[in-house]
Amino acid sequence: MSKEQRVAIVTGGSRGIGRQVVQRLAEEGYALVVNYAG
């Protein structure tokens, strides 16, 4: 049995445009890896 999972890596995903991208991908069901430099 095979189940495909959509995965995205987002750099700079904690603020601004990156945060909006992360939110949109999460709404669409993506598994996310989010990176940021604090």
C-alpha atoms as a PDB file:
ATOM      1  CA  MET A   1       0.000   0.000   0.000  1.00  0.00           C
ATOM      2  CA  SER A   2       1.390   3.377  -0.993  1.00  0.00           C
ATOM      3  CA  LYS A   3       0.204   6.770   0.180  1.00  0.00           C
ATOM      4  CA  GLU A   4       1.723   9.908  -1.257  1.00  0.00           C
ATOM      5  CA  GLN A   5       2.352  12.864   1.062  1.00  0.00           C
ATOM      6  CA  ARG A   6       3.100  16.333  -0.240  1.00  0.00           C
ATOM      7  CA  VAL A   7       6.096  17.820   1.557  1.00  0.00           C
ATOM      8  CA  ALA A   8       7.536  21.347   1.369  1.00  0.00           C
ATOM      9  CA  ILE A   9      10.642  22.958   2.845  1.00  0.00           C
ATOM     10  CA  VAL A  10      10.221  26.683   3.528  1.00  0.00           C
ATOM     11  CA  THR A  11      13.189  28.837   4.509  1.00  0.00           C
ATOM     12  CA  GLY A  12      12.430  32.120   6.225  1.00  0.00           C
ATOM     13  CA  GLY A  13       9.018  30.815   7.188  1.00  0.00           C
ATOM     14  CA  SER A  14       8.557  32.569  10.514  1.00  0.00           C
ATOM     15  CA  ARG A  15       7.587  36.062   9.315  1.00  0.00           C
ATOM     16  CA  GLY A  16       6.252  38.039   6.394  1.00  0.00           C
ATOM     17  CA  ILE A  17       5.805  36.340   3.042  1.00  0.00           C
ATOM     18  CA  GLY A  18       7.346  33.099   4.307  1.00  0.00           C
ATOM     19  CA  ARG A  19       4.764  32.858   7.079  1.00  0.00           C
ATOM     20  CA  GLN A  20       1.934  33.338   4.600  1.00  0.00           C
ATOM     21  CA  VAL A  21       3.399  30.642   2.350  1.00  0.00           C
ATOM     22  CA  VAL A  22       3.611  28.243   5.311  1.00  0.00           C
ATOM     23  CA  GLN A  23      -0.002  28.927   6.292  1.00  0.00           C
ATOM     24  CA  ARG A  24      -1.258  28.378   2.753  1.00  0.00           C
ATOM     25  CA  LEU A  25       0.654  25.136   2.282  1.00  0.00           C
ATOM     26  CA  ALA A  26      -0.588  23.840   5.650  1.00  0.00           C
ATOM     27  CA  GLU A  27      -4.174  24.612   4.621  1.00  0.00           C
ATOM     28  CA  GLU A  28      -3.599  22.602   1.452  1.00  0.00           C
ATOM     29  CA  GLY A  29      -2.420  19.584   3.454  1.00  0.00           C
ATOM     30  CA  TYR A  30       1.335  19.751   3.003  1.00  0.00           C
ATOM     31  CA  ALA A  31       3.720  18.308   5.573  1.00  0.00           C
ATOM     32  CA  LEU A  32       6.103  21.182   6.273  1.00  0.00           C
ATOM     33  CA  VAL A  33       9.699  21.705   7.291  1.00  0.00           C
ATOM     34  CA  VAL A  34      10.104  25.348   8.312  1.00  0.00           C
ATOM     35  CA  ASN A  35      13.479  26.999   8.820  1.00  0.00           C
ATOM     36  CA  TYR A  36      14.275  30.423  10.228  1.00  0.00           C
ATOM     37  CA  ALA A  37      17.221  32.296  11.701  1.00  0.00           C
ATOM     38  CA  GLY A  38      16.270  34.109  14.862  1.00  0.00           C
END
